[in-house]
Amino acid sequence: MGDSTDREELPPLPPRARRFNPAYAIDPIDEEFAGSALGPEPTEQDRRIGRSTVFFSIATGASRVVGLVREIIAAGYFGVGPAMTAFTIAFQIPNLVRSLFADAALQGAFVPVFTEQLEAGNRREAFRLASTLIFLMTAVLGVITALFILIAPFLVPALVPDLDQETQDLTVALSQLLFPILVMLGVSGIVVGVLNSFNRFAVFAIAPLFWNLAIIGVLVALSPMFSGDDRIYAYAIGVLVGTALQLAMVSWDLRHTPFRMLRVFEWRSDLVKKVLLLMLPVTISLGLINVNLVINSLVGALVPGTLAGTGEALANYAPAAIDKAFRIYMLPQGMFSVAVTTVIFPTLSRYAARRDYDDLRRTMANGMRMILLVLVPAAAAILVLSEPMIRLVYQRGEFSPEETPLVATALFWFAFSLPFNGLFLILTRTFFSLQRPWTPTWIAALNLVVTAAVAFALYKPYGVAGIVAGTAIATAASVVAQVIVLRRPLKGIEFPQLVNAAVRITLASAALAGVSWLLWDQLDAVLGRSTIAQAISLGVALAAGGLVYLGAILALRVPEARQLLGVVRR
């Protein structure tokens, strides 16, 4: 135990698998992306990470689109009424615990330590670490799940006292049904961390697509077996099935790596302790970020007044309305910023392990500019077309015209945080790669305080708009704080290039917004509001705005624009 595994002892892998496994490479970093588009002269490693990022973006984009279809179908079944509010809160409770103890929190702490062992040639120790953590997470999260199921009837009413009794009871039952996903996501967090450390991104990228498809299939198949608000149980069962399928897919992909599961449970080992110590601030940091969504829902349940045109209490609609807007907000976020941060995180960890801070800074800084290149125009489009987007995507079935302005308002204010959240993701991962997780933890705590303070200050006079504005303000403040702190260890973040790119991208995005809105307004007046007409009006407006934006960033000589086009061509 503790001996490093020699290269000759590695199990045979097919040539295609060997290409993407740093354990088989002469130099692991040569097999990775140092930022396809992250340098003026693309190397083979640049092209590989470029291909990985583009593939991940496409796969994630497909998943987000299908996820949007899932939301459309769910909105047709349930609208944003009491049943959907119950599901939203019930799902967010295990999702919050997941963020605290599983999934992203585990990956943020596990990947740097696992990668460090691979870099040192201690592959056997790395495998023992991963195996122990899988068993440990299964046991710990299993106990947490059982405990929550017992206390849910007392905890949930305390969290949402303003909901009526029937909605509270439904929330309790749904949360008990959904909580077992926590165990599956905990195991998945370790498995995905292993895959990403060996540059395996494909199955991980497409698994959410099948998660969404499974939910849709179960919802459509089982919904007729229930009646009234109880149909929401079909949705919850779909989430369970989809999560199990997702875990099965990423676990199956482990066969393409040198990793082998070992029957060990060394929970007292130094490496396990190191991961758990790193995980503590990572858990708090990522958990606090996800608490923001819970704050939005809980404060939303306090919004006074009635829904326009219905006379029904707005508090029963606001949490689900914010959640529905968040789903659209996450479409551009997931298609690019999540893809970039996921693909470059192992690379950042390896640069940090080698103390190659120049390449780490270059990779991070260019990744920030690439995120702005995509998310600033996406935010501009949402700002001017939020209501047509919501109307086209959701307004059918149980989702009434009176609910559209409420969800559109939330989406409008979410748009302001879109670029900042993308930057927040990559900066946080940079801290994690440096194994300095306490810094983003304190910043995340600041984020939470600002979010809660603004939400509670503004929900009475401004309703949903005031609640979501708190998220936007807090995210922007967090990015500023992260940049200030990172400048010292990395000797800068290429700030002049970032500002230069941001100004040019913003000008081009303003042109996109103007053209998109003017063209949509004219087409909407001519074609009307049928579903096909709305799709044509919105699609043509966004396409025209996108072409104007592309021409503008090329005319303004934004370097990242040409780099991104080069990656796409390759």
Protein backbone atom coordinates (compact mmCIF):
# COMPACT_ATOMS: atom_id res chain seq x y z
CA MET A 1 0.00 0.00 0.00
CA GLY A 2 1.33 3.42 -0.90
CA ASP A 3 3.62 2.22 -3.75
CA SER A 4 3.26 4.16 -6.97
CA THR A 5 2.02 2.29 -10.00
CA ASP A 6 4.59 2.11 -12.80
CA ARG A 7 3.59 2.97 -16.33
CA GLU A 8 4.13 -0.64 -17.44
CA GLU A 9 1.54 -1.83 -14.91
CA LEU A 10 -1.30 0.11 -16.47
CA PRO A 11 -4.17 -1.93 -17.88
CA PRO A 12 -4.41 -1.91 -21.68
CA LEU A 13 -6.73 0.64 -23.22
CA PRO A 14 -7.77 1.14 -26.83
CA PRO A 15 -5.81 3.86 -28.70
CA ARG A 16 -8.73 6.29 -28.66
CA ALA A 17 -9.06 5.98 -24.87
CA ARG A 18 -5.29 6.39 -24.41
CA ARG A 19 -5.33 9.73 -26.23
CA PHE A 20 -7.44 11.29 -23.54
CA ASN A 21 -5.84 9.76 -20.46
CA PRO A 22 -2.97 11.74 -18.96
CA ALA A 23 -1.87 8.63 -17.08
CA TYR A 24 -0.67 7.21 -20.42
CA ALA A 25 0.90 10.39 -21.68
CA ILE A 26 4.56 11.38 -21.46
CA ASP A 27 3.38 14.76 -20.19
CA PRO A 28 -0.21 14.93 -18.92
CA ILE A 29 -0.58 18.58 -19.79
CA ASP A 30 0.36 17.82 -23.40
CA GLU A 31 -2.81 15.74 -23.56
CA GLU A 32 -5.03 18.58 -22.37
CA PHE A 33 -6.43 21.84 -23.34
CA ALA A 34 -4.41 24.81 -22.26
CA GLY A 35 -7.14 26.83 -23.83
CA SER A 36 -8.05 26.37 -27.45
CA ALA A 37 -8.75 29.73 -28.11
CA LEU A 38 -6.75 30.49 -25.05
CA GLY A 39 -3.62 31.46 -26.95
CA PRO A 40 -2.76 33.21 -30.20
CA GLU A 41 -0.85 30.23 -31.58
CA PRO A 42 -2.94 27.07 -31.20
CA THR A 43 -0.99 23.93 -30.39
CA GLU A 44 -2.24 20.36 -30.51
CA GLN A 45 -3.22 20.61 -26.84
CA ASP A 46 -5.10 23.84 -27.65
CA ARG A 47 -7.01 22.06 -30.37
CA ARG A 48 -7.87 19.19 -28.08
CA ILE A 49 -9.29 21.39 -25.37
CA GLY A 50 -11.03 23.39 -28.05
CA ARG A 51 -12.69 20.26 -29.35
CA SER A 52 -13.57 19.21 -25.80
CA THR A 53 -15.07 22.60 -25.03
CA VAL A 54 -17.06 22.78 -28.26
CA PHE A 55 -18.35 19.23 -27.79
CA PHE A 56 -19.21 19.90 -24.16
CA SER A 57 -20.98 23.12 -25.16
CA ILE A 58 -23.01 21.36 -27.85
CA ALA A 59 -23.89 18.44 -25.59
CA THR A 60 -24.77 20.73 -22.70
CA GLY A 61 -26.73 22.95 -25.06
CA ALA A 62 -28.72 19.95 -26.27
CA SER A 63 -29.36 18.99 -22.65
CA ARG A 64 -30.50 22.51 -21.81
CA VAL A 65 -32.81 22.60 -24.81
CA VAL A 66 -34.38 19.27 -23.82
CA GLY A 67 -34.52 20.56 -20.25
CA LEU A 68 -36.41 23.56 -21.55
CA VAL A 69 -38.77 21.18 -23.36
CA ARG A 70 -39.21 19.39 -20.03
CA GLU A 71 -40.08 22.70 -18.39
CA ILE A 72 -42.52 23.53 -21.19
CA ILE A 73 -44.27 20.18 -20.76
CA ALA A 74 -44.33 20.58 -16.98
CA ALA A 75 -45.69 24.12 -17.33
CA GLY A 76 -48.45 22.74 -19.56
CA TYR A 77 -49.37 20.22 -16.89
CA PHE A 78 -48.99 22.38 -13.78
CA GLY A 79 -48.47 26.07 -14.66
CA VAL A 80 -46.85 27.92 -11.75
CA GLY A 81 -49.63 27.16 -9.29
CA PRO A 82 -49.52 25.52 -5.85
CA ALA A 83 -48.51 22.05 -7.11
CA MET A 84 -45.49 23.41 -8.99
CA THR A 85 -44.57 25.64 -6.05
CA ALA A 86 -44.63 22.53 -3.81
CA PHE A 87 -42.41 20.64 -6.26
CA THR A 88 -40.01 23.58 -6.61
CA ILE A 89 -39.45 23.88 -2.87
CA ALA A 90 -39.37 20.09 -2.37
CA PHE A 91 -36.72 19.67 -5.07
CA GLN A 92 -34.61 22.58 -3.82
CA ILE A 93 -34.25 21.07 -0.34
CA PRO A 94 -32.32 17.91 -1.41
CA ASN A 95 -30.67 19.98 -4.13
CA LEU A 96 -29.33 22.33 -1.46
CA VAL A 97 -28.00 19.43 0.61
CA ARG A 98 -26.47 18.01 -2.60
CA SER A 99 -24.59 21.26 -3.10
CA LEU A 100 -23.36 21.10 0.49
CA PHE A 101 -22.17 17.48 0.59
CA ALA A 102 -22.15 16.04 -2.92
CA ASP A 103 -21.64 16.61 -6.61
CA ALA A 104 -19.92 19.96 -7.29
CA ALA A 105 -18.66 20.31 -3.70
CA LEU A 106 -16.97 16.91 -3.88
CA GLN A 107 -15.47 17.60 -7.29
CA GLY A 108 -14.08 20.96 -6.21
CA ALA A 109 -12.18 19.34 -3.34
CA PHE A 110 -11.49 15.93 -4.85
CA VAL A 111 -10.16 16.76 -8.34
CA PRO A 112 -7.12 18.83 -7.21
CA VAL A 113 -6.02 16.14 -4.72
CA PHE A 114 -6.69 13.25 -7.10
CA THR A 115 -4.87 15.06 -9.92
CA GLU A 116 -1.97 15.90 -7.63
CA GLN A 117 -1.51 12.19 -6.91
CA LEU A 118 -1.62 11.35 -10.61
CA GLU A 119 0.99 14.03 -11.32
CA ALA A 120 3.23 12.51 -8.63
CA GLY A 121 2.84 9.04 -10.14
CA ASN A 122 0.93 7.73 -7.12
CA ARG A 123 -1.87 6.24 -9.15
CA ARG A 124 -2.59 3.41 -6.72
CA GLU A 125 -3.06 5.90 -3.87
CA ALA A 126 -5.32 8.01 -6.08
CA PHE A 127 -7.51 4.96 -6.77
CA ARG A 128 -7.69 4.06 -3.07
CA LEU A 129 -8.72 7.63 -2.32
CA ALA A 130 -11.53 7.62 -4.88
CA SER A 131 -12.81 4.21 -3.78
CA THR A 132 -12.86 5.19 -0.11
CA LEU A 133 -14.74 8.40 -0.87
CA ILE A 134 -17.38 6.55 -2.87
CA PHE A 135 -18.11 4.24 0.08
CA LEU A 136 -17.90 7.11 2.57
CA MET A 137 -20.31 9.35 0.67
CA THR A 138 -22.78 6.51 0.22
CA ALA A 139 -22.85 5.86 3.97
CA VAL A 140 -22.97 9.49 5.13
CA LEU A 141 -25.53 10.68 2.59
CA GLY A 142 -27.64 7.60 3.22
CA VAL A 143 -27.88 8.51 6.91
CA ILE A 144 -28.73 12.14 6.06
CA THR A 145 -31.46 10.97 3.68
CA ALA A 146 -33.05 8.68 6.26
CA LEU A 147 -32.93 11.42 8.89
CA PHE A 148 -34.57 13.99 6.61
CA ILE A 149 -37.40 11.64 5.66
CA LEU A 150 -38.20 11.33 9.36
CA ILE A 151 -38.11 15.05 10.20
CA ALA A 152 -39.59 16.43 6.94
CA PRO A 153 -43.14 16.77 8.41
CA PHE A 154 -41.73 19.17 11.01
CA LEU A 155 -38.98 20.90 9.00
CA VAL A 156 -40.85 21.84 5.82
CA PRO A 157 -43.75 23.70 7.51
CA ALA A 158 -41.19 25.68 9.50
CA LEU A 159 -39.43 26.72 6.29
CA VAL A 160 -42.57 27.76 4.39
CA PRO A 161 -45.15 28.73 7.03
CA ASP A 162 -47.08 31.06 4.69
CA LEU A 163 -48.16 28.30 2.30
CA ASP A 164 -51.62 26.86 2.82
CA GLN A 165 -51.89 23.50 4.60
CA GLU A 166 -52.62 21.48 1.46
CA THR A 167 -49.57 22.87 -0.34
CA GLN A 168 -47.40 22.29 2.73
CA ASP A 169 -48.49 18.65 2.93
CA LEU A 170 -47.74 18.14 -0.74
CA THR A 171 -44.30 19.75 -0.30
CA VAL A 172 -43.49 17.38 2.58
CA ALA A 173 -44.47 14.28 0.61
CA LEU A 174 -42.56 15.35 -2.50
CA SER A 175 -39.42 16.22 -0.55
CA GLN A 176 -39.44 12.78 1.11
CA LEU A 177 -39.82 11.13 -2.28
CA LEU A 178 -37.05 13.18 -3.89
CA PHE A 179 -34.44 13.09 -1.13
CA PRO A 180 -32.86 9.72 -2.15
CA ILE A 181 -31.38 11.44 -5.22
CA LEU A 182 -28.85 12.85 -2.76
CA VAL A 183 -27.07 9.49 -2.41
CA MET A 184 -26.94 8.97 -6.17
CA LEU A 185 -25.57 12.47 -6.76
CA GLY A 186 -22.94 11.98 -4.07
CA VAL A 187 -21.53 8.89 -5.79
CA SER A 188 -21.84 10.62 -9.15
CA GLY A 189 -19.72 13.52 -7.86
CA ILE A 190 -16.74 11.25 -7.23
CA VAL A 191 -17.18 9.29 -10.45
CA VAL A 192 -17.35 12.46 -12.55
CA GLY A 193 -14.30 13.84 -10.76
CA VAL A 194 -12.34 10.72 -11.78
CA LEU A 195 -13.57 10.97 -15.38
CA ASN A 196 -12.68 14.64 -15.68
CA SER A 197 -9.22 14.04 -14.20
CA PHE A 198 -8.61 11.59 -17.05
CA ASN A 199 -10.06 14.05 -19.62
CA ARG A 200 -13.25 12.06 -20.08
CA PHE A 201 -16.00 14.63 -20.70
CA ALA A 202 -18.26 13.12 -23.36
CA VAL A 203 -20.57 10.84 -21.36
CA PHE A 204 -20.66 13.31 -18.48
CA ALA A 205 -21.72 15.99 -20.97
CA ILE A 206 -24.54 13.97 -22.54
CA ALA A 207 -25.82 12.30 -19.34
CA PRO A 208 -28.01 15.31 -18.41
CA LEU A 209 -29.66 15.00 -21.82
CA PHE A 210 -30.85 11.51 -20.92
CA TRP A 211 -31.77 12.72 -17.42
CA ASN A 212 -34.19 15.17 -19.01
CA LEU A 213 -35.51 12.64 -21.51
CA ALA A 214 -36.17 10.14 -18.72
CA ILE A 215 -38.10 12.74 -16.72
CA ILE A 216 -40.21 13.66 -19.74
CA GLY A 217 -40.95 10.02 -20.51
CA VAL A 218 -41.96 9.15 -16.94
CA LEU A 219 -44.05 12.33 -16.58
CA VAL A 220 -46.02 11.65 -19.75
CA ALA A 221 -46.40 7.94 -19.00
CA LEU A 222 -47.38 8.17 -15.32
CA SER A 223 -49.32 11.43 -15.20
CA PRO A 224 -52.62 9.79 -16.31
CA MET A 225 -52.38 7.46 -13.29
CA PHE A 226 -52.81 10.43 -10.91
CA SER A 227 -55.49 13.08 -10.63
CA GLY A 228 -55.51 16.78 -9.74
CA ASP A 229 -52.42 18.15 -8.02
CA ASP A 230 -51.26 14.57 -7.33
CA ARG A 231 -50.07 14.42 -10.95
CA ILE A 232 -46.97 16.23 -9.70
CA TYR A 233 -45.86 12.89 -8.22
CA ALA A 234 -45.21 11.66 -11.77
CA TYR A 235 -42.75 14.52 -12.17
CA ALA A 236 -40.94 13.60 -8.94
CA ILE A 237 -40.73 9.92 -9.90
CA GLY A 238 -39.25 11.01 -13.23
CA VAL A 239 -36.49 12.88 -11.40
CA LEU A 240 -35.63 9.72 -9.44
CA VAL A 241 -35.48 7.59 -12.59
CA GLY A 242 -33.46 10.18 -14.48
CA THR A 243 -30.91 10.55 -11.68
CA ALA A 244 -30.41 6.78 -11.49
CA LEU A 245 -29.88 6.66 -15.27
CA GLN A 246 -27.37 9.50 -15.12
CA LEU A 247 -25.33 7.72 -12.42
CA ALA A 248 -25.37 4.50 -14.43
CA MET A 249 -24.05 6.28 -17.54
CA VAL A 250 -21.08 8.00 -15.90
CA SER A 251 -20.21 4.86 -13.92
CA TRP A 252 -20.16 2.82 -17.13
CA ASP A 253 -17.74 5.32 -18.70
CA LEU A 254 -15.14 4.55 -16.00
CA ARG A 255 -14.17 1.48 -18.03
CA HIS A 256 -12.45 3.86 -20.50
CA THR A 257 -10.03 5.03 -17.80
CA PRO A 258 -7.28 3.22 -15.88
CA PHE A 259 -9.34 3.62 -12.70
CA ARG A 260 -10.39 0.45 -10.94
CA MET A 261 -12.69 0.36 -7.93
CA LEU A 262 -10.97 -1.08 -4.85
CA ARG A 263 -12.58 -2.64 -1.80
CA VAL A 264 -11.07 -0.25 0.70
CA PHE A 265 -12.52 2.06 3.33
CA GLU A 266 -9.52 4.04 4.60
CA TRP A 267 -11.51 6.93 5.95
CA ARG A 268 -8.66 7.89 8.29
CA SER A 269 -6.03 8.17 5.55
CA ASP A 270 -4.20 11.47 5.12
CA LEU A 271 -5.52 11.91 1.58
CA VAL A 272 -9.13 11.44 2.65
CA LYS A 273 -8.59 13.93 5.46
CA LYS A 274 -7.07 16.36 2.98
CA VAL A 275 -10.09 16.09 0.67
CA LEU A 276 -12.52 16.50 3.57
CA LEU A 277 -10.61 19.53 4.87
CA LEU A 278 -10.66 21.08 1.40
CA MET A 279 -14.27 20.07 1.04
CA LEU A 280 -15.33 22.02 4.11
CA PRO A 281 -14.78 25.48 2.60
CA VAL A 282 -15.78 24.24 -0.86
CA THR A 283 -19.00 22.89 0.64
CA ILE A 284 -19.73 26.14 2.39
CA SER A 285 -18.83 28.17 -0.70
CA LEU A 286 -20.92 26.24 -3.21
CA GLY A 287 -23.64 25.64 -0.67
CA LEU A 288 -24.00 29.32 0.06
CA ILE A 289 -24.31 30.01 -3.65
CA ASN A 290 -27.17 27.52 -3.90
CA VAL A 291 -28.77 28.93 -0.76
CA ASN A 292 -29.45 31.99 -2.92
CA LEU A 293 -32.04 30.02 -4.88
CA VAL A 294 -33.66 28.85 -1.68
CA ILE A 295 -33.71 32.42 -0.40
CA ASN A 296 -35.41 33.49 -3.63
CA SER A 297 -38.09 30.82 -3.16
CA LEU A 298 -38.65 31.45 0.54
CA VAL A 299 -38.79 35.23 0.16
CA GLY A 300 -40.99 34.72 -2.90
CA ALA A 301 -43.49 32.95 -0.64
CA LEU A 302 -43.74 36.23 1.31
CA VAL A 303 -44.51 38.50 -1.65
CA PRO A 304 -47.68 40.48 -0.88
CA GLY A 305 -50.55 41.17 -3.25
CA THR A 306 -52.44 39.13 -5.81
CA LEU A 307 -51.66 37.87 -9.30
CA ALA A 308 -53.00 40.39 -11.81
CA GLY A 309 -56.31 39.36 -13.34
CA THR A 310 -56.85 36.38 -11.02
CA GLY A 311 -57.22 37.68 -7.47
CA GLU A 312 -55.12 34.75 -6.18
CA ALA A 313 -52.31 35.26 -3.66
CA LEU A 314 -49.05 36.15 -5.39
CA ALA A 315 -47.10 34.23 -2.73
CA ASN A 316 -48.40 30.95 -4.21
CA TYR A 317 -46.95 31.85 -7.63
CA ALA A 318 -43.73 33.80 -7.02
CA PRO A 319 -41.40 30.87 -6.04
CA ALA A 320 -42.32 28.80 -9.10
CA ALA A 321 -42.18 31.90 -11.32
CA ILE A 322 -38.61 32.64 -10.22
CA ASP A 323 -37.67 29.01 -10.78
CA LYS A 324 -39.16 28.97 -14.29
CA ALA A 325 -37.22 32.12 -15.19
CA PHE A 326 -34.06 30.57 -13.74
CA ARG A 327 -34.40 27.58 -16.09
CA ILE A 328 -34.21 29.83 -19.15
CA TYR A 329 -31.44 31.88 -17.55
CA MET A 330 -29.38 28.70 -17.16
CA LEU A 331 -29.63 27.80 -20.86
CA PRO A 332 -26.82 30.11 -22.07
CA GLN A 333 -25.03 29.66 -18.74
CA GLY A 334 -24.86 25.90 -19.12
CA MET A 335 -24.07 25.93 -22.82
CA PHE A 336 -20.83 27.80 -22.41
CA SER A 337 -19.62 28.98 -19.00
CA VAL A 338 -20.26 25.60 -17.35
CA ALA A 339 -18.59 23.89 -20.32
CA VAL A 340 -15.50 26.09 -20.14
CA THR A 341 -15.06 25.78 -16.38
CA THR A 342 -15.62 22.01 -16.41
CA VAL A 343 -13.12 21.35 -19.18
CA ILE A 344 -10.34 23.63 -17.93
CA PHE A 345 -10.65 22.77 -14.22
CA PRO A 346 -8.34 19.70 -14.42
CA THR A 347 -5.91 21.81 -16.47
CA LEU A 348 -5.91 24.59 -13.91
CA SER A 349 -5.32 21.98 -11.19
CA ARG A 350 -2.30 20.57 -13.03
CA TYR A 351 -0.81 24.00 -13.65
CA ALA A 352 -1.32 24.79 -9.96
CA ALA A 353 0.30 21.49 -8.92
CA ARG A 354 3.34 22.41 -11.06
CA ARG A 355 3.25 26.02 -9.85
CA ASP A 356 3.09 27.14 -13.46
CA TYR A 357 1.20 30.31 -12.62
CA ASP A 358 1.84 32.05 -15.93
CA ASP A 359 -0.02 29.41 -17.90
CA LEU A 360 -2.66 29.17 -15.18
CA ARG A 361 -3.26 32.92 -15.39
CA ARG A 362 -3.33 32.83 -19.19
CA THR A 363 -5.83 29.97 -19.24
CA MET A 364 -8.09 31.57 -16.65
CA ALA A 365 -7.96 35.09 -18.11
CA ASN A 366 -8.72 34.04 -21.65
CA GLY A 367 -11.49 31.80 -20.38
CA MET A 368 -13.01 34.86 -18.69
CA ARG A 369 -12.95 36.80 -21.95
CA MET A 370 -14.47 33.90 -23.85
CA ILE A 371 -17.30 33.72 -21.31
CA LEU A 372 -18.01 37.43 -21.76
CA LEU A 373 -18.00 36.94 -25.52
CA VAL A 374 -21.01 34.63 -25.25
CA LEU A 375 -22.88 35.69 -22.12
CA VAL A 376 -22.96 39.48 -22.59
CA PRO A 377 -24.92 39.21 -25.88
CA ALA A 378 -27.14 36.53 -24.34
CA ALA A 379 -27.95 38.93 -21.49
CA ALA A 380 -28.66 41.73 -23.96
CA ALA A 381 -31.11 39.56 -25.89
CA ILE A 382 -32.93 38.53 -22.70
CA LEU A 383 -33.19 42.14 -21.52
CA VAL A 384 -35.11 43.25 -24.59
CA LEU A 385 -37.06 40.06 -25.34
CA SER A 386 -37.77 38.45 -21.96
CA GLU A 387 -41.56 38.61 -22.28
CA PRO A 388 -41.76 37.18 -25.83
CA MET A 389 -39.41 34.40 -24.72
CA ILE A 390 -41.59 33.46 -21.74
CA ARG A 391 -44.77 33.70 -23.81
CA LEU A 392 -43.41 31.37 -26.49
CA VAL A 393 -41.80 28.88 -24.14
CA TYR A 394 -44.37 28.53 -21.37
CA GLN A 395 -47.74 30.10 -22.17
CA ARG A 396 -49.97 27.13 -22.89
CA GLY A 397 -52.10 24.65 -20.97
CA GLU A 398 -52.23 25.52 -17.27
CA PHE A 399 -49.72 28.34 -17.76
CA SER A 400 -51.99 31.36 -18.18
CA PRO A 401 -51.32 34.75 -19.85
CA GLU A 402 -51.52 36.34 -16.40
CA GLU A 403 -48.46 34.35 -15.29
CA THR A 404 -46.29 35.41 -18.24
CA PRO A 405 -45.42 38.96 -17.02
CA LEU A 406 -44.48 37.60 -13.59
CA VAL A 407 -41.99 35.08 -14.98
CA ALA A 408 -40.72 37.59 -17.58
CA THR A 409 -39.96 40.08 -14.83
CA ALA A 410 -37.84 37.53 -13.00
CA LEU A 411 -36.01 36.61 -16.22
CA PHE A 412 -35.32 40.28 -17.02
CA TRP A 413 -33.56 40.82 -13.71
CA PHE A 414 -31.73 37.48 -13.90
CA ALA A 415 -30.16 38.72 -17.17
CA PHE A 416 -28.05 41.30 -15.32
CA SER A 417 -26.27 38.55 -13.38
CA LEU A 418 -25.67 36.30 -16.41
CA PRO A 419 -22.11 37.44 -17.38
CA PHE A 420 -21.10 37.91 -13.75
CA ASN A 421 -22.19 34.39 -12.82
CA GLY A 422 -20.10 32.96 -15.67
CA LEU A 423 -17.05 34.84 -14.40
CA PHE A 424 -17.84 33.76 -10.86
CA LEU A 425 -17.74 30.10 -11.90
CA ILE A 426 -14.31 30.25 -13.53
CA LEU A 427 -12.78 32.38 -10.77
CA THR A 428 -14.10 30.02 -8.09
CA ARG A 429 -12.62 27.02 -9.92
CA THR A 430 -9.30 28.85 -10.08
CA PHE A 431 -9.27 29.20 -6.30
CA PHE A 432 -10.12 25.51 -5.96
CA SER A 433 -7.29 24.52 -8.32
CA LEU A 434 -4.88 26.51 -6.15
CA GLN A 435 -6.26 24.61 -3.14
CA ARG A 436 -7.27 27.93 -1.58
CA PRO A 437 -10.97 27.24 -1.09
CA TRP A 438 -11.48 29.40 1.99
CA THR A 439 -11.21 32.61 -0.03
CA PRO A 440 -14.23 31.93 -2.28
CA THR A 441 -16.00 30.65 0.82
CA TRP A 442 -15.80 34.03 2.53
CA ILE A 443 -16.79 35.69 -0.73
CA ALA A 444 -19.75 33.33 -1.07
CA ALA A 445 -20.79 34.27 2.47
CA LEU A 446 -20.70 37.92 1.39
CA ASN A 447 -22.78 36.94 -1.64
CA LEU A 448 -25.40 35.33 0.59
CA VAL A 449 -25.60 38.30 2.95
CA VAL A 450 -26.05 40.76 0.09
CA THR A 451 -28.62 38.54 -1.63
CA ALA A 452 -30.70 38.13 1.51
CA ALA A 453 -30.43 41.79 2.51
CA VAL A 454 -31.48 43.11 -0.90
CA ALA A 455 -34.24 40.52 -1.30
CA PHE A 456 -35.77 41.28 2.09
CA ALA A 457 -35.41 45.01 1.52
CA LEU A 458 -37.03 45.01 -1.91
CA TYR A 459 -39.61 42.22 -1.98
CA LYS A 460 -42.43 44.34 -0.55
CA PRO A 461 -42.14 47.36 -2.87
CA TYR A 462 -40.89 45.53 -5.98
CA GLY A 463 -42.00 41.92 -5.58
CA VAL A 464 -40.21 39.36 -7.76
CA ALA A 465 -38.06 42.06 -9.40
CA GLY A 466 -36.60 43.09 -6.06
CA ILE A 467 -35.85 39.48 -5.06
CA VAL A 468 -33.97 38.62 -8.26
CA ALA A 469 -32.16 41.99 -8.26
CA GLY A 470 -30.56 40.87 -5.01
CA THR A 471 -28.99 37.91 -6.82
CA ALA A 472 -27.61 40.13 -9.60
CA ILE A 473 -26.11 42.69 -7.20
CA ALA A 474 -24.56 40.02 -4.99
CA THR A 475 -23.02 38.13 -7.92
CA ALA A 476 -21.42 41.27 -9.35
CA ALA A 477 -19.97 42.18 -5.94
CA SER A 478 -18.57 38.65 -5.55
CA VAL A 479 -16.78 38.79 -8.91
CA VAL A 480 -15.14 42.10 -8.00
CA ALA A 481 -13.96 40.63 -4.70
CA GLN A 482 -12.56 37.49 -6.38
CA VAL A 483 -10.65 39.51 -8.97
CA ILE A 484 -9.08 41.74 -6.30
CA VAL A 485 -7.90 38.74 -4.28
CA LEU A 486 -6.59 36.68 -7.24
CA ARG A 487 -4.46 39.46 -8.68
CA ARG A 488 -1.73 38.95 -6.06
CA PRO A 489 -1.01 35.17 -6.29
CA LEU A 490 -1.31 35.18 -10.10
CA LYS A 491 0.54 38.50 -10.54
CA GLY A 492 -2.44 39.99 -12.35
CA ILE A 493 -5.40 38.68 -14.30
CA GLU A 494 -4.66 40.42 -17.64
CA PHE A 495 -7.06 43.16 -16.54
CA PRO A 496 -6.42 45.60 -19.43
CA GLN A 497 -7.25 42.89 -21.98
CA LEU A 498 -10.38 41.99 -20.00
CA VAL A 499 -11.65 45.59 -19.91
CA ASN A 500 -10.80 46.12 -23.59
CA ALA A 501 -12.71 42.97 -24.59
CA ALA A 502 -15.64 43.80 -22.29
CA VAL A 503 -16.10 47.28 -23.78
CA ARG A 504 -16.06 46.03 -27.37
CA ILE A 505 -18.34 43.10 -26.58
CA THR A 506 -20.80 45.39 -24.82
CA LEU A 507 -20.97 47.75 -27.81
CA ALA A 508 -21.60 44.82 -30.14
CA SER A 509 -24.24 43.44 -27.75
CA ALA A 510 -26.04 46.80 -27.72
CA ALA A 511 -26.30 46.55 -31.51
CA LEU A 512 -27.69 43.02 -31.13
CA ALA A 513 -30.30 44.19 -28.63
CA GLY A 514 -31.45 47.10 -30.80
CA VAL A 515 -31.77 45.08 -33.99
CA SER A 516 -33.44 42.12 -32.24
CA TRP A 517 -36.07 44.23 -30.52
CA LEU A 518 -36.92 46.39 -33.56
CA LEU A 519 -37.24 43.38 -35.85
CA TRP A 520 -39.31 41.39 -33.32
CA ASP A 521 -41.63 44.35 -32.73
CA GLN A 522 -42.33 44.70 -36.46
CA LEU A 523 -42.83 40.97 -37.06
CA ASP A 524 -45.01 40.58 -33.97
CA ALA A 525 -47.33 43.32 -35.20
CA VAL A 526 -47.58 41.74 -38.66
CA LEU A 527 -47.70 38.01 -37.87
CA GLY A 528 -49.71 37.95 -34.63
CA ARG A 529 -49.43 35.72 -31.56
CA SER A 530 -50.01 32.16 -32.76
CA THR A 531 -47.32 29.74 -31.60
CA ILE A 532 -45.80 29.46 -35.09
CA ALA A 533 -45.93 33.22 -35.57
CA GLN A 534 -44.23 33.81 -32.22
CA ALA A 535 -41.51 31.28 -33.07
CA ILE A 536 -40.87 32.99 -36.40
CA SER A 537 -40.85 36.50 -34.91
CA LEU A 538 -38.53 35.60 -32.06
CA GLY A 539 -36.31 33.27 -34.10
CA VAL A 540 -35.79 35.74 -36.95
CA ALA A 541 -35.15 38.60 -34.52
CA LEU A 542 -32.54 36.64 -32.55
CA ALA A 543 -30.87 35.32 -35.71
CA ALA A 544 -30.61 38.79 -37.21
CA GLY A 545 -29.30 40.18 -33.94
CA GLY A 546 -26.76 37.36 -33.76
CA LEU A 547 -25.46 38.13 -37.26
CA VAL A 548 -25.17 41.80 -36.39
CA TYR A 549 -23.28 40.86 -33.23
CA LEU A 550 -20.90 38.58 -35.13
CA GLY A 551 -20.19 41.28 -37.67
CA ALA A 552 -19.69 43.86 -34.92
CA ILE A 553 -17.19 41.84 -32.86
CA LEU A 554 -15.21 41.04 -36.00
CA ALA A 555 -15.28 44.69 -37.09
CA LEU A 556 -14.22 45.76 -33.59
CA ARG A 557 -11.37 43.22 -33.77
CA VAL A 558 -12.22 41.28 -30.62
CA PRO A 559 -9.40 38.67 -30.59
CA GLU A 560 -11.46 35.99 -28.87
CA ALA A 561 -14.03 36.16 -31.67
CA ARG A 562 -11.52 35.02 -34.26
CA GLN A 563 -10.15 32.40 -31.90
CA LEU A 564 -13.62 30.98 -31.27
CA LEU A 565 -14.37 30.87 -34.98
CA GLY A 566 -11.08 29.06 -35.51
CA VAL A 567 -12.04 26.43 -32.93
CA VAL A 568 -15.43 25.92 -34.55
CA ARG A 569 -13.84 25.53 -38.00
CA ARG A 570 -11.36 22.96 -36.66
